[in-house]
C-alpha atoms as a PDB file:
ATOM      1  CA  MET A   1    -129.902 180.486 138.119  1.00  0.00           C
ATOM      2  CA  VAL A   2    -127.891 177.323 138.769  1.00  0.00           C
ATOM      3  CA  ARG A   3    -129.546 175.046 141.324  1.00  0.00           C
ATOM      4  CA  ASN A   4    -127.167 172.056 141.327  1.00  0.00           C
ATOM      5  CA  ASN A   5    -123.921 170.658 139.944  1.00  0.00           C
ATOM      6  CA  VAL A   6    -125.392 167.385 138.655  1.00  0.00           C
ATOM      7  CA  GLN A   7    -123.509 166.003 135.643  1.00  0.00           C
ATOM      8  CA  LEU A   8    -124.782 163.850 132.782  1.00  0.00           C
ATOM      9  CA  ASN A   9    -123.220 160.802 131.161  1.00  0.00           C
ATOM     10  CA  VAL A  10    -125.258 160.169 128.027  1.00  0.00           C
ATOM     11  CA  THR A  11    -124.767 157.098 125.823  1.00  0.00           C
ATOM     12  CA  GLU A  12    -126.295 156.999 122.338  1.00  0.00           C
ATOM     13  CA  TYR A  13    -127.188 153.316 121.994  1.00  0.00           C
ATOM     14  CA  LEU A  14    -129.055 153.741 118.705  1.00  0.00           C
ATOM     15  CA  ASP A  15    -129.475 156.708 116.384  1.00  0.00           C
ATOM     16  CA  ASN A  16    -131.200 159.332 118.589  1.00  0.00           C
ATOM     17  CA  VAL A  17    -131.871 156.810 121.377  1.00  0.00           C
ATOM     18  CA  TYR A  18    -130.029 157.613 124.591  1.00  0.00           C
ATOM     19  CA  GLY A  19    -129.438 156.168 128.021  1.00  0.00           C
ATOM     20  CA  VAL A  20    -128.576 158.477 130.923  1.00  0.00           C
ATOM     21  CA  GLN A  21    -126.479 158.277 134.070  1.00  0.00           C
ATOM     22  CA  PHE A  22    -126.188 161.076 136.595  1.00  0.00           C
ATOM     23  CA  GLY A  23    -123.046 162.252 138.357  1.00  0.00           C
ATOM     24  CA  VAL A  24    -122.973 163.870 141.805  1.00  0.00           C
ATOM     25  CA  GLN A  25    -119.942 165.253 143.620  1.00  0.00           C
ATOM     26  CA  HIS A  26    -119.178 163.403 146.863  1.00  0.00           C
ATOM     27  CA  PRO A  27    -119.199 165.887 149.775  1.00  0.00           C
ATOM     28  CA  VAL A  28    -116.108 164.344 151.424  1.00  0.00           C
ATOM     29  CA  THR A  29    -113.835 163.054 148.669  1.00  0.00           C
ATOM     30  CA  GLY A  30    -114.858 165.569 146.011  1.00  0.00           C
ATOM     31  CA  THR A  31    -114.955 162.836 143.367  1.00  0.00           C
ATOM     32  CA  THR A  32    -117.886 162.389 140.996  1.00  0.00           C
ATOM     33  CA  VAL A  33    -120.088 159.413 141.857  1.00  0.00           C
ATOM     34  CA  TRP A  34    -122.079 158.017 138.922  1.00  0.00           C
ATOM     35  CA  GLY A  35    -125.390 156.213 139.140  1.00  0.00           C
ATOM     36  CA  THR A  36    -129.120 156.459 138.619  1.00  0.00           C
ATOM     37  CA  TYR A  37    -131.961 158.589 139.930  1.00  0.00           C
ATOM     38  CA  CYS A  38    -134.283 156.880 142.407  1.00  0.00           C
ATOM     39  CA  PRO A  39    -136.825 159.261 144.019  1.00  0.00           C
ATOM     40  CA  LEU A  40    -137.786 158.718 147.645  1.00  0.00           C
ATOM     41  CA  ASP A  41    -140.885 160.922 147.408  1.00  0.00           C
ATOM     42  CA  ASP A  42    -143.804 159.007 145.845  1.00  0.00           C
ATOM     43  CA  ALA A  43    -145.020 162.224 144.221  1.00  0.00           C
ATOM     44  CA  LEU A  44    -141.883 162.252 142.052  1.00  0.00           C
ATOM     45  CA  TRP A  45    -142.679 158.859 140.494  1.00  0.00           C
ATOM     46  CA  SER A  46    -145.233 160.485 138.169  1.00  0.00           C
ATOM     47  CA  ASP A  47    -144.930 160.495 134.392  1.00  0.00           C
ATOM     48  CA  PHE A  48    -145.028 164.299 134.508  1.00  0.00           C
ATOM     49  CA  HIS A  49    -141.809 164.493 136.523  1.00  0.00           C
ATOM     50  CA  ALA A  50    -140.081 161.854 134.390  1.00  0.00           C
ATOM     51  CA  GLN A  51    -141.077 163.723 131.223  1.00  0.00           C
ATOM     52  CA  ALA A  52    -139.754 167.019 132.605  1.00  0.00           C
ATOM     53  CA  ILE A  53    -136.374 165.431 133.405  1.00  0.00           C
ATOM     54  CA  ALA A  54    -136.163 163.827 129.973  1.00  0.00           C
ATOM     55  CA  ASN A  55    -136.990 167.150 128.298  1.00  0.00           C
ATOM     56  CA  ALA A  56    -134.195 168.865 130.222  1.00  0.00           C
ATOM     57  CA  VAL A  57    -131.751 166.129 129.179  1.00  0.00           C
ATOM     58  CA  CYS A  58    -132.685 166.518 125.493  1.00  0.00           C
ATOM     59  CA  SER A  59    -132.441 170.291 125.703  1.00  0.00           C
ATOM     60  CA  GLN A  60    -128.954 170.001 127.186  1.00  0.00           C
ATOM     61  CA  ILE A  61    -127.486 167.381 124.844  1.00  0.00           C
ATOM     62  CA  THR A  62    -129.008 168.578 121.546  1.00  0.00           C
ATOM     63  CA  GLY A  63    -129.803 172.269 121.977  1.00  0.00           C
ATOM     64  CA  VAL A  64    -132.375 172.076 119.164  1.00  0.00           C
ATOM     65  CA  LEU A  65    -134.566 169.084 120.106  1.00  0.00           C
ATOM     66  CA  PRO A  66    -135.861 170.050 123.556  1.00  0.00           C
ATOM     67  CA  TYR A  67    -138.554 167.402 123.991  1.00  0.00           C
ATOM     68  CA  ALA A  68    -138.227 163.718 124.745  1.00  0.00           C
ATOM     69  CA  LEU A  69    -140.003 160.505 123.977  1.00  0.00           C
ATOM     70  CA  LEU A  70    -139.569 158.190 126.952  1.00  0.00           C
ATOM     71  CA  ALA A  71    -139.397 154.428 126.561  1.00  0.00           C
ATOM     72  CA  SER A  72    -139.301 152.123 129.573  1.00  0.00           C
ATOM     73  CA  ILE A  73    -137.543 148.794 129.094  1.00  0.00           C
ATOM     74  CA  GLY A  74    -137.941 145.579 131.033  1.00  0.00           C
ATOM     75  CA  SER A  75    -135.608 145.394 134.027  1.00  0.00           C
ATOM     76  CA  THR A  76    -135.089 141.642 133.511  1.00  0.00           C
ATOM     77  CA  ARG A  77    -134.855 141.630 129.713  1.00  0.00           C
ATOM     78  CA  SER A  78    -131.561 141.462 127.841  1.00  0.00           C
ATOM     79  CA  TYR A  79    -130.784 143.842 124.982  1.00  0.00           C
ATOM     80  CA  SER A  80    -127.789 143.542 122.693  1.00  0.00           C
ATOM     81  CA  PHE A  81    -126.851 147.215 123.061  1.00  0.00           C
ATOM     82  CA  LEU A  82    -127.448 147.624 126.829  1.00  0.00           C
ATOM     83  CA  PRO A  83    -125.614 146.403 129.930  1.00  0.00           C
ATOM     84  CA  PRO A  84    -126.910 143.036 131.229  1.00  0.00           C
ATOM     85  CA  PRO A  85    -130.023 143.087 133.453  1.00  0.00           C
ATOM     86  CA  ASP A  86    -128.060 142.363 136.647  1.00  0.00           C
ATOM     87  CA  VAL A  87    -125.730 145.302 135.966  1.00  0.00           C
ATOM     88  CA  ARG A  88    -128.684 147.612 135.379  1.00  0.00           C
ATOM     89  CA  ARG A  89    -130.428 146.272 138.478  1.00  0.00           C
ATOM     90  CA  ASP A  90    -127.398 146.860 140.705  1.00  0.00           C
ATOM     91  CA  MET A  91    -126.764 150.428 139.543  1.00  0.00           C
ATOM     92  CA  PRO A  92    -126.541 152.579 142.709  1.00  0.00           C
ATOM     93  CA  ALA A  93    -128.676 155.669 143.172  1.00  0.00           C
ATOM     94  CA  VAL A  94    -126.951 159.045 143.439  1.00  0.00           C
ATOM     95  CA  LEU A  95    -130.036 161.283 143.375  1.00  0.00           C
ATOM     96  CA  SER A  96    -133.089 161.063 145.619  1.00  0.00           C
ATOM     97  CA  ARG A  97    -134.754 164.151 144.160  1.00  0.00           C
ATOM     98  CA  LEU A  98    -134.614 165.684 140.681  1.00  0.00           C
ATOM     99  CA  ASP A  99    -137.476 168.042 139.881  1.00  0.00           C
ATOM    100  CA  CYS A 100    -137.316 169.778 136.499  1.00  0.00           C
ATOM    101  CA  GLY A 101    -140.946 170.875 136.425  1.00  0.00           C
ATOM    102  CA  ILE A 102    -140.383 174.007 138.490  1.00  0.00           C
ATOM    103  CA  VAL A 103    -138.741 176.225 135.876  1.00  0.00           C
ATOM    104  CA  ALA A 104    -140.905 179.018 134.528  1.00  0.00           C
ATOM    105  CA  GLY A 105    -140.995 179.596 130.795  1.00  0.00           C
ATOM    106  CA  GLY A 106    -140.854 176.035 129.508  1.00  0.00           C
ATOM    107  CA  VAL A 107    -138.152 173.379 129.283  1.00  0.00           C
ATOM    108  CA  PRO A 108    -135.006 173.920 131.393  1.00  0.00           C
ATOM    109  CA  ALA A 109    -131.961 174.502 129.205  1.00  0.00           C
ATOM    110  CA  ASN A 110    -130.021 171.926 131.220  1.00  0.00           C
ATOM    111  CA  ILE A 111    -130.141 169.757 134.321  1.00  0.00           C
ATOM    112  CA  SER A 112    -128.360 172.375 136.448  1.00  0.00           C
ATOM    113  CA  LEU A 113    -131.581 174.427 136.514  1.00  0.00           C
ATOM    114  CA  CYS A 114    -133.563 171.612 138.154  1.00  0.00           C
ATOM    115  CA  SER A 115    -134.040 171.131 141.884  1.00  0.00           C
ATOM    116  CA  ALA A 116    -131.847 168.224 143.035  1.00  0.00           C
ATOM    117  CA  GLU A 117    -130.872 166.366 146.198  1.00  0.00           C
ATOM    118  CA  ALA A 118    -128.129 163.764 146.461  1.00  0.00           C
ATOM    119  CA  SER A 119    -128.853 160.319 147.861  1.00  0.00           C
ATOM    120  CA  GLU A 120    -127.901 159.545 151.457  1.00  0.00           C
ATOM    121  CA  PRO A 121    -125.736 157.579 151.718  1.00  0.00           C
ATOM    122  CA  LEU A 122    -123.940 158.419 148.486  1.00  0.00           C
ATOM    123  CA  PRO A 123    -124.026 156.149 146.583  1.00  0.00           C
ATOM    124  CA  MET A 124    -127.154 154.367 147.813  1.00  0.00           C
ATOM    125  CA  PRO A 125    -127.986 150.744 146.905  1.00  0.00           C
ATOM    126  CA  PRO A 126    -131.098 150.569 144.712  1.00  0.00           C
ATOM    127  CA  THR A 127    -134.308 149.945 146.618  1.00  0.00           C
ATOM    128  CA  LEU A 128    -136.844 147.294 145.648  1.00  0.00           C
ATOM    129  CA  ALA A 129    -139.401 149.981 144.832  1.00  0.00           C
ATOM    130  CA  CYS A 130    -136.919 151.688 142.546  1.00  0.00           C
ATOM    131  CA  ILE A 131    -136.227 148.443 140.676  1.00  0.00           C
ATOM    132  CA  GLN A 132    -139.913 147.523 140.374  1.00  0.00           C
ATOM    133  CA  TYR A 133    -141.181 150.899 139.215  1.00  0.00           C
ATOM    134  CA  GLY A 134    -138.379 151.642 136.807  1.00  0.00           C
ATOM    135  CA  ASP A 135    -135.478 153.824 137.785  1.00  0.00           C
ATOM    136  CA  TRP A 136    -133.496 155.629 135.103  1.00  0.00           C
ATOM    137  CA  THR A 137    -131.307 152.644 134.258  1.00  0.00           C
ATOM    138  CA  ASN A 138    -134.409 151.218 132.562  1.00  0.00           C
ATOM    139  CA  LYS A 139    -135.427 154.301 130.592  1.00  0.00           C
ATOM    140  CA  LEU A 140    -134.390 155.351 127.114  1.00  0.00           C
ATOM    141  CA  ILE A 141    -134.823 158.812 125.607  1.00  0.00           C
ATOM    142  CA  SER A 142    -135.359 159.912 122.019  1.00  0.00           C
ATOM    143  CA  CYS A 143    -135.145 163.685 121.449  1.00  0.00           C
ATOM    144  CA  GLN A 144    -137.802 165.397 119.335  1.00  0.00           C
ATOM    145  CA  PRO A 145    -138.817 168.899 118.176  1.00  0.00           C
ATOM    146  CA  LYS A 146    -142.307 168.640 119.713  1.00  0.00           C
ATOM    147  CA  LEU A 147    -143.832 167.626 123.020  1.00  0.00           C
ATOM    148  CA  PHE A 148    -145.686 164.347 123.588  1.00  0.00           C
ATOM    149  CA  TRP A 149    -147.853 164.503 126.696  1.00  0.00           C
ATOM    150  CA  LEU A 150    -148.896 160.879 126.412  1.00  0.00           C
ATOM    151  CA  ALA A 151    -146.600 157.868 126.265  1.00  0.00           C
ATOM    152  CA  PRO A 152    -145.890 157.009 122.612  1.00  0.00           C
ATOM    153  CA  ARG A 153    -146.534 153.586 121.147  1.00  0.00           C
ATOM    154  CA  LEU A 154    -143.390 153.879 119.039  1.00  0.00           C
ATOM    155  CA  GLY A 155    -140.006 155.030 120.247  1.00  0.00           C
ATOM    156  CA  SER A 156    -139.203 157.406 117.400  1.00  0.00           C
ATOM    157  CA  VAL A 157    -139.621 158.018 113.656  1.00  0.00           C
ATOM    158  CA  ARG A 158    -137.221 159.160 110.931  1.00  0.00           C
ATOM    159  CA  LEU A 159    -136.872 159.465 107.141  1.00  0.00           C
ATOM    160  CA  VAL A 160    -133.722 158.037 105.547  1.00  0.00           C
ATOM    161  CA  GLY A 161    -132.223 157.627 102.088  1.00  0.00           C
ATOM    162  CA  GLY A 162    -133.568 160.811 100.492  1.00  0.00           C
ATOM    163  CA  ALA A 163    -131.551 163.625  98.969  1.00  0.00           C
ATOM    164  CA  ASN A 164    -132.701 165.884 101.828  1.00  0.00           C
ATOM    165  CA  SER A 165    -134.326 165.542 105.244  1.00  0.00           C
ATOM    166  CA  SER A 166    -137.873 166.201 104.021  1.00  0.00           C
ATOM    167  CA  TYR A 167    -138.382 162.830 102.360  1.00  0.00           C
ATOM    168  CA  GLY A 168    -137.128 159.278 102.436  1.00  0.00           C
ATOM    169  CA  ARG A 169    -137.874 155.750 103.569  1.00  0.00           C
ATOM    170  CA  LEU A 170    -139.893 155.728 106.790  1.00  0.00           C
ATOM    171  CA  GLU A 171    -138.245 153.964 109.721  1.00  0.00           C
ATOM    172  CA  VAL A 172    -139.443 153.603 113.299  1.00  0.00           C
ATOM    173  CA  ILE A 173    -138.319 152.190 116.599  1.00  0.00           C
ATOM    174  CA  ASN A 174    -141.021 149.844 117.830  1.00  0.00           C
ATOM    175  CA  GLN A 175    -140.992 149.336 121.594  1.00  0.00           C
ATOM    176  CA  GLU A 176    -141.990 145.708 121.012  1.00  0.00           C
ATOM    177  CA  THR A 177    -138.728 145.106 119.114  1.00  0.00           C
ATOM    178  CA  LEU A 178    -136.551 147.737 120.763  1.00  0.00           C
ATOM    179  CA  ASP A 179    -133.573 145.388 120.985  1.00  0.00           C
ATOM    180  CA  ARG A 180    -133.378 145.246 117.168  1.00  0.00           C
ATOM    181  CA  GLY A 181    -133.220 148.992 116.624  1.00  0.00           C
ATOM    182  CA  TRP A 182    -134.661 150.897 113.679  1.00  0.00           C
ATOM    183  CA  GLY A 183    -136.989 149.095 111.289  1.00  0.00           C
ATOM    184  CA  THR A 184    -138.959 149.786 108.135  1.00  0.00           C
ATOM    185  CA  VAL A 185    -142.707 150.239 107.643  1.00  0.00           C
ATOM    186  CA  CYS A 186    -144.441 148.312 104.867  1.00  0.00           C
ATOM    187  CA  ALA A 187    -148.072 148.757 105.938  1.00  0.00           C
ATOM    188  CA  PRO A 188    -150.425 148.477 102.926  1.00  0.00           C
ATOM    189  CA  GLY A 189    -152.942 150.785 104.630  1.00  0.00           C
ATOM    190  CA  PHE A 190    -150.484 153.660 105.067  1.00  0.00           C
ATOM    191  CA  ASP A 191    -152.085 156.753 103.494  1.00  0.00           C
ATOM    192  CA  GLN A 192    -151.698 160.532 103.291  1.00  0.00           C
ATOM    193  CA  GLU A 193    -153.097 161.082 106.790  1.00  0.00           C
ATOM    194  CA  HIS A 194    -150.353 158.860 108.188  1.00  0.00           C
ATOM    195  CA  ALA A 195    -147.732 160.665 106.090  1.00  0.00           C
ATOM    196  CA  GLN A 196    -148.917 164.017 107.441  1.00  0.00           C
ATOM    197  CA  ALA A 197    -148.686 162.657 110.991  1.00  0.00           C
ATOM    198  CA  VAL A 198    -145.082 161.532 110.397  1.00  0.00           C
ATOM    199  CA  CYS A 199    -144.110 164.967 109.089  1.00  0.00           C
ATOM    200  CA  ARG A 200    -145.745 166.708 112.060  1.00  0.00           C
ATOM    201  CA  ASP A 201    -143.839 164.429 114.435  1.00  0.00           C
ATOM    202  CA  LEU A 202    -140.585 165.448 112.735  1.00  0.00           C
ATOM    203  CA  GLY A 203    -141.411 169.165 112.853  1.00  0.00           C
ATOM    204  CA  LEU A 204    -141.477 169.356 109.039  1.00  0.00           C
ATOM    205  CA  PRO A 205    -144.059 170.901 106.669  1.00  0.00           C
ATOM    206  CA  TRP A 206    -146.958 168.477 106.527  1.00  0.00           C
ATOM    207  CA  THR A 207    -149.925 169.895 104.591  1.00  0.00           C
ATOM    208  CA  GLN A 208    -148.543 168.651 101.246  1.00  0.00           C
ATOM    209  CA  ALA A 209    -147.200 165.368 102.628  1.00  0.00           C
ATOM    210  CA  ALA A 210    -147.370 162.444 100.232  1.00  0.00           C
ATOM    211  CA  VAL A 211    -146.832 158.700 100.322  1.00  0.00           C
ATOM    212  CA  LEU A 212    -144.023 157.583  98.017  1.00  0.00           C
ATOM    213  CA  PRO A 213    -143.755 154.262  96.209  1.00  0.00           C
ATOM    214  CA  ALA A 214    -140.997 151.970  97.386  1.00  0.00           C
ATOM    215  CA  SER A 215    -139.133 152.588  94.116  1.00  0.00           C
ATOM    216  CA  ALA A 216    -138.669 156.281  95.015  1.00  0.00           C
ATOM    217  CA  VAL A 217    -136.351 155.566  97.959  1.00  0.00           C
ATOM    218  CA  PRO A 218    -133.427 153.163  98.460  1.00  0.00           C
ATOM    219  CA  GLN A 219    -134.515 149.722  99.592  1.00  0.00           C
ATOM    220  CA  ALA A 220    -133.555 148.647 103.100  1.00  0.00           C
ATOM    221  CA  PRO A 221    -130.904 145.933 103.454  1.00  0.00           C
ATOM    222  CA  PRO A 222    -132.336 142.401 103.834  1.00  0.00           C
ATOM    223  CA  SER A 223    -131.001 142.155 107.381  1.00  0.00           C
ATOM    224  CA  GLN A 224    -132.999 145.154 108.620  1.00  0.00           C
ATOM    225  CA  LEU A 225    -136.054 144.649 110.783  1.00  0.00           C
ATOM    226  CA  ILE A 226    -139.552 145.208 109.392  1.00  0.00           C
ATOM    227  CA  ALA A 227    -140.912 147.043 112.430  1.00  0.00           C
ATOM    228  CA  LEU A 228    -144.479 147.641 111.230  1.00  0.00           C
ATOM    229  CA  ASP A 229    -146.230 145.557 108.604  1.00  0.00           C
ATOM    230  CA  ASP A 230    -149.818 146.503 109.407  1.00  0.00           C
ATOM    231  CA  ILE A 231    -150.839 149.515 111.436  1.00  0.00           C
ATOM    232  CA  TYR A 232    -153.634 150.651 113.673  1.00  0.00           C
ATOM    233  CA  CYS A 233    -153.869 154.248 114.891  1.00  0.00           C
ATOM    234  CA  ARG A 234    -156.011 155.553 117.725  1.00  0.00           C
ATOM    235  CA  GLN A 235    -156.062 159.207 118.680  1.00  0.00           C
ATOM    236  CA  HIS A 236    -156.164 160.237 122.331  1.00  0.00           C
ATOM    237  CA  TRP A 237    -157.805 163.154 124.033  1.00  0.00           C
ATOM    238  CA  TRP A 238    -155.446 165.900 125.136  1.00  0.00           C
ATOM    239  CA  PRO A 239    -155.107 165.626 128.924  1.00  0.00           C
ATOM    240  CA  THR A 240    -155.416 169.344 129.691  1.00  0.00           C
ATOM    241  CA  ALA A 241    -158.252 170.454 127.417  1.00  0.00           C
ATOM    242  CA  ASP A 242    -161.371 169.127 125.750  1.00  0.00           C
ATOM    243  CA  VAL A 243    -159.812 169.054 122.296  1.00  0.00           C
ATOM    244  CA  HIS A 244    -158.719 166.368 119.883  1.00  0.00           C
ATOM    245  CA  PRO A 245    -155.053 166.783 118.867  1.00  0.00           C
ATOM    246  CA  PRO A 246    -153.883 165.984 115.339  1.00  0.00           C
ATOM    247  CA  LEU A 247    -152.836 162.415 114.710  1.00  0.00           C
ATOM    248  CA  SER A 248    -149.276 161.615 115.791  1.00  0.00           C
ATOM    249  CA  PHE A 249    -147.729 158.578 114.135  1.00  0.00           C
ATOM    250  CA  ALA A 250    -145.269 157.982 116.988  1.00  0.00           C
ATOM    251  CA  ARG A 251    -147.828 158.450 119.751  1.00  0.00           C
ATOM    252  CA  ASP A 252    -150.995 156.980 118.259  1.00  0.00           C
ATOM    253  CA  CYS A 253    -149.963 154.221 115.837  1.00  0.00           C
ATOM    254  CA  MET A 254    -148.874 150.658 116.484  1.00  0.00           C
ATOM    255  CA  ARG A 255    -148.683 147.244 114.893  1.00  0.00           C
ATOM    256  CA  ILE A 256    -152.097 145.575 114.846  1.00  0.00           C
ATOM    257  CA  TRP A 257    -150.960 142.068 115.727  1.00  0.00           C
ATOM    258  CA  GLN A 258    -148.611 142.662 118.638  1.00  0.00           C
ATOM    259  CA  GLY A 259    -146.395 139.639 119.252  1.00  0.00           C
ATOM    260  CA  SER A 260    -147.176 137.945 115.928  1.00  0.00           C
ATOM    261  CA  LEU A 261    -144.280 137.090 113.610  1.00  0.00           C
ATOM    262  CA  LEU A 262    -146.489 136.896 110.513  1.00  0.00           C
ATOM    263  CA  ARG A 263    -145.623 139.460 107.853  1.00  0.00           C
ATOM    264  CA  THR A 264    -148.161 140.925 105.459  1.00  0.00           C
ATOM    265  CA  CYS A 265    -145.596 142.659 103.227  1.00  0.00           C
ATOM    266  CA  GLY A 266    -141.869 142.888 102.547  1.00  0.00           C
ATOM    267  CA  TYR A 267    -139.079 145.301 101.663  1.00  0.00           C
ATOM    268  CA  ASP A 268    -140.450 145.791  98.154  1.00  0.00           C
ATOM    269  CA  ALA A 269    -143.388 147.592  99.793  1.00  0.00           C
ATOM    270  CA  ASP A 270    -141.383 149.853 102.123  1.00  0.00           C
ATOM    271  CA  VAL A 271    -143.208 153.104 102.823  1.00  0.00           C
ATOM    272  CA  GLY A 272    -141.638 156.369 101.710  1.00  0.00           C
ATOM    273  CA  VAL A 273    -142.817 159.813 102.787  1.00  0.00           C
ATOM    274  CA  ALA A 274    -142.331 163.259 101.228  1.00  0.00           C
ATOM    275  CA  CYS A 275    -143.155 166.097 103.622  1.00  0.00           C
ATOM    276  CA  SER A 276    -142.811 169.019 101.220  1.00  0.00           C
ATOM    277  CA  GLY A 277    -144.655 167.399  98.331  1.00  0.00           C
ATOM    278  CA  GLU A 278    -141.543 167.771  96.154  1.00  0.00           C
ATOM    279  CA  VAL A 279    -139.336 164.781  95.495  1.00  0.00           C
ATOM    280  CA  ILE A 280    -135.985 164.625  93.742  1.00  0.00           C
ATOM    281  CA  MET A 281    -136.207 161.233  92.101  1.00  0.00           C
ATOM    282  CA  PRO A 282    -132.961 159.261  91.903  1.00  0.00           C
ATOM    283  CA  LEU A 283    -131.170 159.460  88.540  1.00  0.00           C
ATOM    284  CA  PRO A 284    -131.044 156.293  86.417  1.00  0.00           C
ATOM    285  CA  PRO A 285    -127.656 154.578  86.420  1.00  0.00           C
ATOM    286  CA  SER A 286    -125.217 155.772  83.762  1.00  0.00           C
ATOM    287  CA  PRO A 287    -124.309 153.316  80.962  1.00  0.00           C
ATOM    288  CA  PRO A 288    -120.895 151.693  81.352  1.00  0.00           C
ATOM    289  CA  SER A 289    -117.982 153.435  79.663  1.00  0.00           C
ATOM    290  CA  PRO A 290    -116.388 151.663  76.674  1.00  0.00           C
ATOM    291  CA  VAL A 291    -113.329 149.609  77.479  1.00  0.00           C
ATOM    292  CA  TYR A 292    -110.269 150.029  75.291  1.00  0.00           C
ATOM    293  CA  GLY A 293    -106.940 148.340  74.869  1.00  0.00           C
ATOM    294  CA  GLY A 294    -105.836 145.044  76.264  1.00  0.00           C
ATOM    295  CA  TYR A 295    -108.815 144.889  78.663  1.00  0.00           C
ATOM    296  CA  GLY A 296    -111.465 144.053  76.139  1.00  0.00           C
ATOM    297  CA  GLY A 297    -111.445 146.272  73.059  1.00  0.00           C
ATOM    298  CA  PRO A 298    -109.365 147.901  70.336  1.00  0.00           C
ATOM    299  CA  PRO A 299    -107.248 150.925  71.215  1.00  0.00           C
ATOM    300  CA  PRO A 300    -108.674 154.353  70.420  1.00  0.00           C
ATOM    301  CA  PRO A 301    -107.336 156.015  67.261  1.00  0.00           C
ATOM    302  CA  VAL A 302    -104.378 158.348  67.730  1.00  0.00           C
ATOM    303  CA  TYR A 303    -104.235 161.405  65.507  1.00  0.00           C
ATOM    304  CA  GLY A 304    -101.170 163.518  64.979  1.00  0.00           C
ATOM    305  CA  PRO A 305    -101.073 167.225  64.247  1.00  0.00           C
ATOM    306  CA  TYR A 306    -101.141 166.562  60.488  1.00  0.00           C
ATOM    307  CA  GLY A 307    -104.235 164.437  60.486  1.00  0.00           C
ATOM    308  CA  GLY A 308    -102.528 161.124  59.807  1.00  0.00           C
ATOM    309  CA  TYR A 309    -103.036 158.010  61.852  1.00  0.00           C
ATOM    310  CA  GLY A 310    -100.431 157.667  64.571  1.00  0.00           C
ATOM    311  CA  GLY A 311     -98.433 160.856  64.036  1.00  0.00           C
ATOM    312  CA  PRO A 312     -96.900 163.114  61.399  1.00  0.00           C
ATOM    313  CA  PRO A 313     -95.078 161.656  58.376  1.00  0.00           C
ATOM    314  CA  ALA A 314     -91.292 161.369  58.622  1.00  0.00           C
ATOM    315  CA  TYR A 315     -89.409 163.802  56.377  1.00  0.00           C
ATOM    316  CA  GLY A 316     -85.759 164.422  55.732  1.00  0.00           C
ATOM    317  CA  ILE A 317     -82.760 162.198  55.588  1.00  0.00           C
ATOM    318  CA  TYR A 318     -84.221 159.733  58.058  1.00  0.00           C
ATOM    319  CA  ALA A 319     -87.414 159.175  56.096  1.00  0.00           C
ATOM    320  CA  GLN A 320     -87.993 155.808  54.507  1.00  0.00           C
ATOM    321  CA  SER A 321     -88.972 155.869  50.837  1.00  0.00           C
END
């Protein structure tokens, strides 16, 4: 059942990190007005409602990653990949209500299944409360295969550089250094429990997860950020039941010394993870081919059909004695 005609304008600022604008049809002109979502009802400011909207966005734009990690960014902070703070601050509101937590059976397949109300007037200048408490111009989404009820400490995790998606160099987006994008992990204390947590976060097999030496995966370029150089993980209690969920690397782990620029390791200690327990090690480089001719060596021998060097002997009246 379609409940609204709200449109999405999704920008992928970093790999699997999205910003969202909403489009609403103007009742008089019929044109689409683009802007942000700024709820007027205090009950809709909750993390639950924001998470439900983000899940619906991920379900719509990916089809296969229906859950979202939400990251709030500072409304006055500049980021190289985002519009300037004053542009984000002045973004008009086009929605005063967007409730995606009312759909039975799980995550809505798209935003059109959510309950929505357009702002009045349309567009509406952003209110002070909306700016202070973080409207959707100051939220980023990373789409995932599993649900995170609690706000993650990291923005997202991925494995890169392997021959397949089940292993590679571990990279994360650290909310502390969000403006620098994806970074490596070189934490000396990273062990199998952490590797299993990474694989669970990615929806991959995790029971046989293993930590790989840095030599097993391609080294990151020198210009890339080291996002985590020493880690601390703290598990949380599940909010709806008296149980202890498995460790999540994205949700539960962080850099120990937040704000410090000191590094305890470098790229030669980058963490690699194998989720299946099987790793296709990179082949050693092939030896260089020999160089012939005028570029550094003698020409190869040329054999004719009669076995002589250079071609068959010359017979007949044109042969030289």
